PDB file of N, CA and C in Angstrom:
ATOM      1  N   MET A   1       0.842  -1.175   0.000  1.00  0.00           N
ATOM      2  CA  MET A   1       0.000   0.000   0.000  1.00  0.00           C
ATOM      3  C   MET A   1       0.891   1.243   0.000  1.00  0.00           C
ATOM      4  N   ILE A   2       0.567   2.194  -0.852  1.00  0.00           N
ATOM      5  CA  ILE A   2       1.288   3.455  -0.972  1.00  0.00           C
ATOM      6  C   ILE A   2       0.344   4.596  -0.589  1.00  0.00           C
ATOM      7  N   ILE A   3       0.823   5.469   0.269  1.00  0.00           N
ATOM      8  CA  ILE A   3       0.079   6.674   0.631  1.00  0.00           C
ATOM      9  C   ILE A   3       0.899   7.867   0.164  1.00  0.00           C
ATOM     10  N   GLY A   4       0.292   8.696  -0.646  1.00  0.00           N
ATOM     11  CA  GLY A   4       0.963   9.895  -1.137  1.00  0.00           C
ATOM     12  C   GLY A   4       0.199  11.130  -0.701  1.00  0.00           C
ATOM     13  N   SER A   5       0.948  12.124  -0.275  1.00  0.00           N
ATOM     14  CA  SER A   5       0.301  13.387   0.079  1.00  0.00           C
ATOM     15  C   SER A   5       1.072  14.533  -0.548  1.00  0.00           C
ATOM     16  N   VAL A   6       0.353  15.576  -0.865  1.00  0.00           N
ATOM     17  CA  VAL A   6       0.974  16.781  -1.399  1.00  0.00           C
ATOM     18  C   VAL A   6       0.320  17.974  -0.719  1.00  0.00           C
ATOM     19  N   ARG A   7       1.169  18.863  -0.241  1.00  0.00           N
ATOM     20  CA  ARG A   7       0.709  20.125   0.345  1.00  0.00           C
ATOM     21  C   ARG A   7       1.191  21.236  -0.561  1.00  0.00           C
ATOM     22  N   CYS A   8       0.331  22.179  -0.835  1.00  0.00           N
ATOM     23  CA  CYS A   8       0.747  23.290  -1.679  1.00  0.00           C
ATOM     24  C   CYS A   8       0.210  24.601  -1.123  1.00  0.00           C
ATOM     25  N   GLU A   9       1.084  25.573  -1.127  1.00  0.00           N
ATOM     26  CA  GLU A   9       0.697  26.913  -0.728  1.00  0.00           C
ATOM     27  C   GLU A   9       0.320  27.670  -1.991  1.00  0.00           C
ATOM     28  N   CYS A  10      -0.744  28.454  -1.891  1.00  0.00           N
ATOM     29  CA  CYS A  10      -1.269  29.148  -3.063  1.00  0.00           C
ATOM     30  C   CYS A  10      -1.598  30.590  -2.727  1.00  0.00           C
ATOM     31  N   MET A  11      -1.578  31.420  -3.759  1.00  0.00           N
ATOM     32  CA  MET A  11      -1.960  32.828  -3.637  1.00  0.00           C
ATOM     33  C   MET A  11      -3.167  33.077  -4.530  1.00  0.00           C
ATOM     34  N   LEU A  12      -4.104  33.854  -4.002  1.00  0.00           N
ATOM     35  CA  LEU A  12      -5.293  34.264  -4.755  1.00  0.00           C
ATOM     36  C   LEU A  12      -5.254  35.786  -4.829  1.00  0.00           C
ATOM     37  N   TYR A  13      -4.595  36.291  -5.838  1.00  0.00           N
ATOM     38  CA  TYR A  13      -4.334  37.727  -5.921  1.00  0.00           C
ATOM     39  C   TYR A  13      -5.595  38.556  -6.135  1.00  0.00           C
ATOM     40  N   SER A  14      -6.609  38.015  -6.742  1.00  0.00           N
ATOM     41  CA  SER A  14      -7.806  38.801  -7.053  1.00  0.00           C
ATOM     42  C   SER A  14      -8.899  38.677  -5.987  1.00  0.00           C
ATOM     43  N   ALA A  15      -8.682  37.870  -4.942  1.00  0.00           N
ATOM     44  CA  ALA A  15      -9.693  37.714  -3.896  1.00  0.00           C
ATOM     45  C   ALA A  15      -9.810  39.003  -3.091  1.00  0.00           C
ATOM     46  N   GLN A  16     -11.030  39.489  -2.951  1.00  0.00           N
ATOM     47  CA  GLN A  16     -11.290  40.709  -2.197  1.00  0.00           C
ATOM     48  C   GLN A  16     -11.940  40.434  -0.844  1.00  0.00           C
ATOM     49  N   SER A  17     -12.284  39.179  -0.596  1.00  0.00           N
ATOM     50  CA  SER A  17     -12.922  38.807   0.668  1.00  0.00           C
ATOM     51  C   SER A  17     -12.729  37.310   0.896  1.00  0.00           C
ATOM     52  N   LEU A  18     -13.042  36.883   2.107  1.00  0.00           N
ATOM     53  CA  LEU A  18     -12.992  35.449   2.388  1.00  0.00           C
ATOM     54  C   LEU A  18     -14.013  34.690   1.552  1.00  0.00           C
ATOM     55  N   LYS A  19     -15.129  35.331   1.239  1.00  0.00           N
ATOM     56  CA  LYS A  19     -16.152  34.701   0.400  1.00  0.00           C
ATOM     57  C   LYS A  19     -15.599  34.416  -1.000  1.00  0.00           C
ATOM     58  N   ASP A  20     -14.866  35.362  -1.580  1.00  0.00           N
ATOM     59  CA  ASP A  20     -14.234  35.146  -2.890  1.00  0.00           C
ATOM     60  C   ASP A  20     -13.256  33.984  -2.821  1.00  0.00           C
ATOM     61  N   LYS A  21     -12.430  33.995  -1.783  1.00  0.00           N
ATOM     62  CA  LYS A  21     -11.418  32.949  -1.626  1.00  0.00           C
ATOM     63  C   LYS A  21     -12.070  31.574  -1.481  1.00  0.00           C
ATOM     64  N   ARG A  22     -13.053  31.483  -0.617  1.00  0.00           N
ATOM     65  CA  ARG A  22     -13.684  30.187  -0.361  1.00  0.00           C
ATOM     66  C   ARG A  22     -14.424  29.652  -1.576  1.00  0.00           C
ATOM     67  N   SER A  23     -14.936  30.539  -2.397  1.00  0.00           N
ATOM     68  CA  SER A  23     -15.597  30.118  -3.626  1.00  0.00           C
ATOM     69  C   SER A  23     -14.615  29.376  -4.537  1.00  0.00           C
ATOM     70  N   VAL A  24     -13.433  29.934  -4.703  1.00  0.00           N
ATOM     71  CA  VAL A  24     -12.402  29.317  -5.550  1.00  0.00           C
ATOM     72  C   VAL A  24     -11.936  28.003  -4.939  1.00  0.00           C
ATOM     73  N   ILE A  25     -11.662  28.015  -3.652  1.00  0.00           N
ATOM     74  CA  ILE A  25     -11.113  26.831  -2.987  1.00  0.00           C
ATOM     75  C   ILE A  25     -12.122  25.685  -2.958  1.00  0.00           C
ATOM     76  N   LEU A  26     -13.364  25.973  -2.637  1.00  0.00           N
ATOM     77  CA  LEU A  26     -14.367  24.905  -2.614  1.00  0.00           C
ATOM     78  C   LEU A  26     -14.572  24.286  -3.990  1.00  0.00           C
ATOM     79  N   SER A  27     -14.487  25.092  -5.026  1.00  0.00           N
ATOM     80  CA  SER A  27     -14.590  24.565  -6.382  1.00  0.00           C
ATOM     81  C   SER A  27     -13.463  23.571  -6.668  1.00  0.00           C
ATOM     82  N   ILE A  28     -12.249  23.932  -6.295  1.00  0.00           N
ATOM     83  CA  ILE A  28     -11.090  23.052  -6.521  1.00  0.00           C
ATOM     84  C   ILE A  28     -11.223  21.777  -5.690  1.00  0.00           C
ATOM     85  N   LEU A  29     -11.567  21.912  -4.425  1.00  0.00           N
ATOM     86  CA  LEU A  29     -11.663  20.741  -3.543  1.00  0.00           C
ATOM     87  C   LEU A  29     -12.754  19.783  -3.999  1.00  0.00           C
ATOM     88  N   ARG A  30     -13.886  20.313  -4.434  1.00  0.00           N
ATOM     89  CA  ARG A  30     -14.975  19.440  -4.929  1.00  0.00           C
ATOM     90  C   ARG A  30     -14.563  18.683  -6.191  1.00  0.00           C
ATOM     91  N   LYS A  31     -13.946  19.396  -7.117  1.00  0.00           N
ATOM     92  CA  LYS A  31     -13.521  18.745  -8.357  1.00  0.00           C
ATOM     93  C   LYS A  31     -12.437  17.706  -8.099  1.00  0.00           C
ATOM     94  N   ALA A  32     -11.563  17.962  -7.153  1.00  0.00           N
ATOM     95  CA  ALA A  32     -10.467  17.028  -6.852  1.00  0.00           C
ATOM     96  C   ALA A  32     -10.989  15.717  -6.272  1.00  0.00           C
ATOM     97  N   THR A  33     -12.034  15.795  -5.476  1.00  0.00           N
ATOM     98  CA  THR A  33     -12.530  14.588  -4.806  1.00  0.00           C
ATOM     99  C   THR A  33     -13.682  13.909  -5.537  1.00  0.00           C
ATOM    100  N   ASN A  34     -14.272  14.551  -6.509  1.00  0.00           N
ATOM    101  CA  ASN A  34     -15.451  14.039  -7.201  1.00  0.00           C
ATOM    102  C   ASN A  34     -15.136  12.757  -7.966  1.00  0.00           C
ATOM    103  N   GLY A  35     -15.531  11.624  -7.401  1.00  0.00           N
ATOM    104  CA  GLY A  35     -15.359  10.344  -8.075  1.00  0.00           C
ATOM    105  C   GLY A  35     -13.924   9.872  -8.184  1.00  0.00           C
ATOM    106  N   ARG A  36     -13.043  10.442  -7.407  1.00  0.00           N
ATOM    107  CA  ARG A  36     -11.623  10.083  -7.468  1.00  0.00           C
ATOM    108  C   ARG A  36     -11.147   9.545  -6.131  1.00  0.00           C
ATOM    109  N   ASN A  37      -9.990   8.930  -6.146  1.00  0.00           N
ATOM    110  CA  ASN A  37      -9.368   8.372  -4.956  1.00  0.00           C
ATOM    111  C   ASN A  37      -8.478   9.429  -4.305  1.00  0.00           C
ATOM    112  N   VAL A  38      -9.069  10.577  -3.964  1.00  0.00           N
ATOM    113  CA  VAL A  38      -8.318  11.687  -3.378  1.00  0.00           C
ATOM    114  C   VAL A  38      -9.151  12.319  -2.270  1.00  0.00           C
ATOM    115  N   ALA A  39      -8.472  12.621  -1.175  1.00  0.00           N
ATOM    116  CA  ALA A  39      -9.074  13.440  -0.121  1.00  0.00           C
ATOM    117  C   ALA A  39      -8.394  14.799  -0.185  1.00  0.00           C
ATOM    118  N   ALA A  40      -9.144  15.869   0.061  1.00  0.00           N
ATOM    119  CA  ALA A  40      -8.601  17.219  -0.079  1.00  0.00           C
ATOM    120  C   ALA A  40      -9.142  18.122   1.008  1.00  0.00           C
ATOM    121  N   SER A  41      -8.295  19.077   1.429  1.00  0.00           N
ATOM    122  CA  SER A  41      -8.720  20.007   2.460  1.00  0.00           C
ATOM    123  C   SER A  41      -7.854  21.262   2.441  1.00  0.00           C
ATOM    124  N   GLU A  42      -8.438  22.370   2.901  1.00  0.00           N
ATOM    125  CA  GLU A  42      -7.653  23.578   3.163  1.00  0.00           C
ATOM    126  C   GLU A  42      -7.097  23.416   4.569  1.00  0.00           C
ATOM    127  N   ILE A  43      -5.774  23.466   4.729  1.00  0.00           N
ATOM    128  CA  ILE A  43      -5.169  23.141   6.022  1.00  0.00           C
ATOM    129  C   ILE A  43      -4.533  24.335   6.728  1.00  0.00           C
ATOM    130  N   ASP A  44      -4.466  25.487   6.090  1.00  0.00           N
ATOM    131  CA  ASP A  44      -3.850  26.636   6.742  1.00  0.00           C
ATOM    132  C   ASP A  44      -4.333  27.932   6.105  1.00  0.00           C
ATOM    133  N   PHE A  45      -4.165  29.022   6.803  1.00  0.00           N
ATOM    134  CA  PHE A  45      -4.507  30.371   6.337  1.00  0.00           C
ATOM    135  C   PHE A  45      -6.003  30.528   6.048  1.00  0.00           C
ATOM    136  N   GLN A  46      -6.857  29.896   6.860  1.00  0.00           N
ATOM    137  CA  GLN A  46      -8.290  29.982   6.626  1.00  0.00           C
ATOM    138  C   GLN A  46      -8.832  31.404   6.754  1.00  0.00           C
ATOM    139  N   ASP A  47      -8.174  32.253   7.530  1.00  0.00           N
ATOM    140  CA  ASP A  47      -8.683  33.611   7.741  1.00  0.00           C
ATOM    141  C   ASP A  47      -7.956  34.663   6.906  1.00  0.00           C
ATOM    142  N   ALA A  48      -7.067  34.247   6.031  1.00  0.00           N
ATOM    143  CA  ALA A  48      -6.369  35.187   5.145  1.00  0.00           C
ATOM    144  C   ALA A  48      -7.088  35.230   3.798  1.00  0.00           C
ATOM    145  N   TRP A  49      -7.239  36.406   3.235  1.00  0.00           N
ATOM    146  CA  TRP A  49      -7.984  36.559   1.982  1.00  0.00           C
ATOM    147  C   TRP A  49      -7.266  35.999   0.771  1.00  0.00           C
ATOM    148  N   GLN A  50      -5.977  36.216   0.693  1.00  0.00           N
ATOM    149  CA  GLN A  50      -5.273  35.934  -0.553  1.00  0.00           C
ATOM    150  C   GLN A  50      -4.237  34.823  -0.446  1.00  0.00           C
ATOM    151  N   ARG A  51      -4.279  34.053   0.617  1.00  0.00           N
ATOM    152  CA  ARG A  51      -3.296  32.999   0.812  1.00  0.00           C
ATOM    153  C   ARG A  51      -3.994  31.762   1.356  1.00  0.00           C
ATOM    154  N   THR A  52      -3.527  30.593   0.922  1.00  0.00           N
ATOM    155  CA  THR A  52      -4.088  29.340   1.424  1.00  0.00           C
ATOM    156  C   THR A  52      -3.048  28.237   1.324  1.00  0.00           C
ATOM    157  N   ARG A  53      -3.263  27.184   2.062  1.00  0.00           N
ATOM    158  CA  ARG A  53      -2.468  25.966   1.922  1.00  0.00           C
ATOM    159  C   ARG A  53      -3.462  24.815   1.796  1.00  0.00           C
ATOM    160  N   LEU A  54      -3.330  24.065   0.725  1.00  0.00           N
ATOM    161  CA  LEU A  54      -4.218  22.938   0.448  1.00  0.00           C
ATOM    162  C   LEU A  54      -3.444  21.632   0.582  1.00  0.00           C
ATOM    163  N   ALA A  55      -4.136  20.572   0.955  1.00  0.00           N
ATOM    164  CA  ALA A  55      -3.524  19.242   1.048  1.00  0.00           C
ATOM    165  C   ALA A  55      -4.390  18.247   0.281  1.00  0.00           C
ATOM    166  N   PHE A  56      -3.705  17.368  -0.432  1.00  0.00           N
ATOM    167  CA  PHE A  56      -4.354  16.286  -1.174  1.00  0.00           C
ATOM    168  C   PHE A  56      -3.679  14.981  -0.776  1.00  0.00           C
ATOM    169  N   VAL A  57      -4.473  13.931  -0.537  1.00  0.00           N
ATOM    170  CA  VAL A  57      -3.950  12.634  -0.134  1.00  0.00           C
ATOM    171  C   VAL A  57      -4.616  11.556  -0.973  1.00  0.00           C
ATOM    172  N   SER A  58      -3.806  10.568  -1.383  1.00  0.00           N
ATOM    173  CA  SER A  58      -4.347   9.441  -2.137  1.00  0.00           C
ATOM    174  C   SER A  58      -3.691   8.153  -1.640  1.00  0.00           C
ATOM    175  N   VAL A  59      -4.438   7.068  -1.667  1.00  0.00           N
ATOM    176  CA  VAL A  59      -3.956   5.767  -1.232  1.00  0.00           C
ATOM    177  C   VAL A  59      -4.169   4.781  -2.361  1.00  0.00           C
ATOM    178  N   GLY A  60      -3.164   3.938  -2.612  1.00  0.00           N
ATOM    179  CA  GLY A  60      -3.305   2.946  -3.667  1.00  0.00           C
ATOM    180  C   GLY A  60      -2.277   1.847  -3.556  1.00  0.00           C
ATOM    181  N   THR A  61      -2.335   0.915  -4.472  1.00  0.00           N
ATOM    182  CA  THR A  61      -1.390  -0.187  -4.479  1.00  0.00           C
ATOM    183  C   THR A  61      -0.178   0.096  -5.349  1.00  0.00           C
ATOM    184  N   SER A  62      -0.237   1.159  -6.142  1.00  0.00           N
ATOM    185  CA  SER A  62       0.842   1.504  -7.053  1.00  0.00           C
ATOM    186  C   SER A  62       1.222   2.976  -6.892  1.00  0.00           C
ATOM    187  N   LYS A  63       2.514   3.229  -6.782  1.00  0.00           N
ATOM    188  CA  LYS A  63       2.966   4.612  -6.654  1.00  0.00           C
ATOM    189  C   LYS A  63       2.627   5.417  -7.903  1.00  0.00           C
ATOM    190  N   VAL A  64       2.684   4.793  -9.047  1.00  0.00           N
ATOM    191  CA  VAL A  64       2.364   5.476 -10.299  1.00  0.00           C
ATOM    192  C   VAL A  64       0.917   5.957 -10.290  1.00  0.00           C
ATOM    193  N   ARG A  65       0.016   5.116  -9.850  1.00  0.00           N
ATOM    194  CA  ARG A  65      -1.410   5.485  -9.818  1.00  0.00           C
ATOM    195  C   ARG A  65      -1.667   6.617  -8.820  1.00  0.00           C
ATOM    196  N   VAL A  66      -1.024   6.530  -7.657  1.00  0.00           N
ATOM    197  CA  VAL A  66      -1.175   7.577  -6.647  1.00  0.00           C
ATOM    198  C   VAL A  66      -0.614   8.895  -7.183  1.00  0.00           C
ATOM    199  N   GLU A  67       0.534   8.845  -7.848  1.00  0.00           N
ATOM    200  CA  GLU A  67       1.122  10.054  -8.451  1.00  0.00           C
ATOM    201  C   GLU A  67       0.187  10.668  -9.486  1.00  0.00           C
ATOM    202  N   GLN A  68      -0.476   9.834 -10.281  1.00  0.00           N
ATOM    203  CA  GLN A  68      -1.412  10.332 -11.280  1.00  0.00           C
ATOM    204  C   GLN A  68      -2.582  11.057 -10.624  1.00  0.00           C
ATOM    205  N   GLU A  69      -3.102  10.505  -9.548  1.00  0.00           N
ATOM    206  CA  GLU A  69      -4.222  11.133  -8.842  1.00  0.00           C
ATOM    207  C   GLU A  69      -3.809  12.485  -8.263  1.00  0.00           C
ATOM    208  N   LEU A  70      -2.637  12.537  -7.649  1.00  0.00           N
ATOM    209  CA  LEU A  70      -2.168  13.792  -7.062  1.00  0.00           C
ATOM    210  C   LEU A  70      -1.856  14.822  -8.144  1.00  0.00           C
ATOM    211  N   ALA A  71      -1.285  14.386  -9.246  1.00  0.00           N
ATOM    212  CA  ALA A  71      -0.987  15.307 -10.353  1.00  0.00           C
ATOM    213  C   ALA A  71      -2.274  15.878 -10.942  1.00  0.00           C
ATOM    214  N   ARG A  72      -3.309  15.057 -11.024  1.00  0.00           N
ATOM    215  CA  ARG A  72      -4.591  15.541 -11.531  1.00  0.00           C
ATOM    216  C   ARG A  72      -5.176  16.597 -10.596  1.00  0.00           C
ATOM    217  N   ALA A  73      -5.048  16.378  -9.302  1.00  0.00           N
ATOM    218  CA  ALA A  73      -5.539  17.362  -8.332  1.00  0.00           C
ATOM    219  C   ALA A  73      -4.773  18.683  -8.459  1.00  0.00           C
ATOM    220  N   LEU A  74      -3.464  18.606  -8.612  1.00  0.00           N
ATOM    221  CA  LEU A  74      -2.664  19.824  -8.761  1.00  0.00           C
ATOM    222  C   LEU A  74      -2.958  20.537 -10.077  1.00  0.00           C
ATOM    223  N   SER A  75      -3.297  19.783 -11.107  1.00  0.00           N
ATOM    224  CA  SER A  75      -3.608  20.404 -12.397  1.00  0.00           C
ATOM    225  C   SER A  75      -4.876  21.253 -12.317  1.00  0.00           C
ATOM    226  N   LEU A  76      -5.767  20.940 -11.362  1.00  0.00           N
ATOM    227  CA  LEU A  76      -6.950  21.768 -11.166  1.00  0.00           C
ATOM    228  C   LEU A  76      -6.568  23.165 -10.689  1.00  0.00           C
ATOM    229  N   ILE A  77      -5.504  23.264  -9.926  1.00  0.00           N
ATOM    230  CA  ILE A  77      -5.005  24.569  -9.484  1.00  0.00           C
ATOM    231  C   ILE A  77      -4.276  25.259 -10.624  1.00  0.00           C
ATOM    232  N   ASP A  78      -3.393  24.521 -11.280  1.00  0.00           N
ATOM    233  CA  ASP A  78      -2.560  25.104 -12.337  1.00  0.00           C
ATOM    234  C   ASP A  78      -3.369  25.566 -13.543  1.00  0.00           C
ATOM    235  N   GLY A  79      -4.526  24.991 -13.748  1.00  0.00           N
ATOM    236  CA  GLY A  79      -5.352  25.350 -14.892  1.00  0.00           C
ATOM    237  C   GLY A  79      -6.237  26.568 -14.674  1.00  0.00           C
ATOM    238  N   ARG A  80      -6.167  27.166 -13.505  1.00  0.00           N
ATOM    239  CA  ARG A  80      -7.000  28.326 -13.196  1.00  0.00           C
ATOM    240  C   ARG A  80      -6.160  29.595 -13.226  1.00  0.00           C
ATOM    241  N   VAL A  81      -6.817  30.704 -13.559  1.00  0.00           N
ATOM    242  CA  VAL A  81      -6.111  31.989 -13.600  1.00  0.00           C
ATOM    243  C   VAL A  81      -6.283  32.771 -12.298  1.00  0.00           C
ATOM    244  N   ASP A  82      -7.219  32.350 -11.437  1.00  0.00           N
ATOM    245  CA  ASP A  82      -7.484  33.106 -10.218  1.00  0.00           C
ATOM    246  C   ASP A  82      -6.731  32.588  -8.991  1.00  0.00           C
ATOM    247  N   ILE A  83      -5.877  31.565  -9.167  1.00  0.00           N
ATOM    248  CA  ILE A  83      -5.080  31.026  -8.072  1.00  0.00           C
ATOM    249  C   ILE A  83      -3.727  30.596  -8.630  1.00  0.00           C
ATOM    250  N   GLU A  84      -2.675  30.830  -7.841  1.00  0.00           N
ATOM    251  CA  GLU A  84      -1.320  30.468  -8.265  1.00  0.00           C
ATOM    252  C   GLU A  84      -0.672  29.600  -7.199  1.00  0.00           C
ATOM    253  N   ARG A  85      -0.117  28.478  -7.612  1.00  0.00           N
ATOM    254  CA  ARG A  85       0.592  27.578  -6.693  1.00  0.00           C
ATOM    255  C   ARG A  85       2.014  28.096  -6.517  1.00  0.00           C
ATOM    256  N   THR A  86       2.436  28.321  -5.257  1.00  0.00           N
ATOM    257  CA  THR A  86       3.754  28.901  -5.021  1.00  0.00           C
ATOM    258  C   THR A  86       4.744  27.930  -4.404  1.00  0.00           C
ATOM    259  N   ASP A  87       4.276  26.953  -3.649  1.00  0.00           N
ATOM    260  CA  ASP A  87       5.175  26.016  -2.977  1.00  0.00           C
ATOM    261  C   ASP A  87       4.474  24.667  -2.881  1.00  0.00           C
ATOM    262  N   THR A  88       5.193  23.589  -3.239  1.00  0.00           N
ATOM    263  CA  THR A  88       4.582  22.267  -3.243  1.00  0.00           C
ATOM    264  C   THR A  88       5.521  21.263  -2.577  1.00  0.00           C
ATOM    265  N   VAL A  89       4.973  20.461  -1.664  1.00  0.00           N
ATOM    266  CA  VAL A  89       5.763  19.457  -0.939  1.00  0.00           C
ATOM    267  C   VAL A  89       5.054  18.104  -1.038  1.00  0.00           C
ATOM    268  N   TYR A  90       5.769  17.104  -1.546  1.00  0.00           N
ATOM    269  CA  TYR A  90       5.252  15.737  -1.632  1.00  0.00           C
ATOM    270  C   TYR A  90       5.785  14.916  -0.455  1.00  0.00           C
ATOM    271  N   GLU A  91       4.972  13.970   0.025  1.00  0.00           N
ATOM    272  CA  GLU A  91       5.413  13.012   1.036  1.00  0.00           C
ATOM    273  C   GLU A  91       4.852  11.643   0.658  1.00  0.00           C
ATOM    274  N   TRP A  92       5.671  10.621   0.898  1.00  0.00           N
ATOM    275  CA  TRP A  92       5.272   9.250   0.588  1.00  0.00           C
ATOM    276  C   TRP A  92       5.398   8.392   1.838  1.00  0.00           C
ATOM    277  N   PHE A  93       4.389   7.550   2.062  1.00  0.00           N
ATOM    278  CA  PHE A  93       4.397   6.669   3.229  1.00  0.00           C
ATOM    279  C   PHE A  93       4.187   5.241   2.793  1.00  0.00           C
TER     280      PHE A  93
END
């Protein structure tokens, strides 16, 4: 069994309120977990308007499959213009 996790810090430069920020983040988290083998959560900076830290975790029998799931989750961030990924840390268990 392979457990992979990725934490990424992100900036939301156009967010003018926590409501704006949460709208973007909830969209990403829902899409990341929808029908996939991924758990996702905002783990830091909940009260900051333009900064967040997100975590994605996947469990599987193959490291390649887990990497694919995590890469797909990160691509949801990278494909948006209203959020920028600034720091990413992978961990394997």
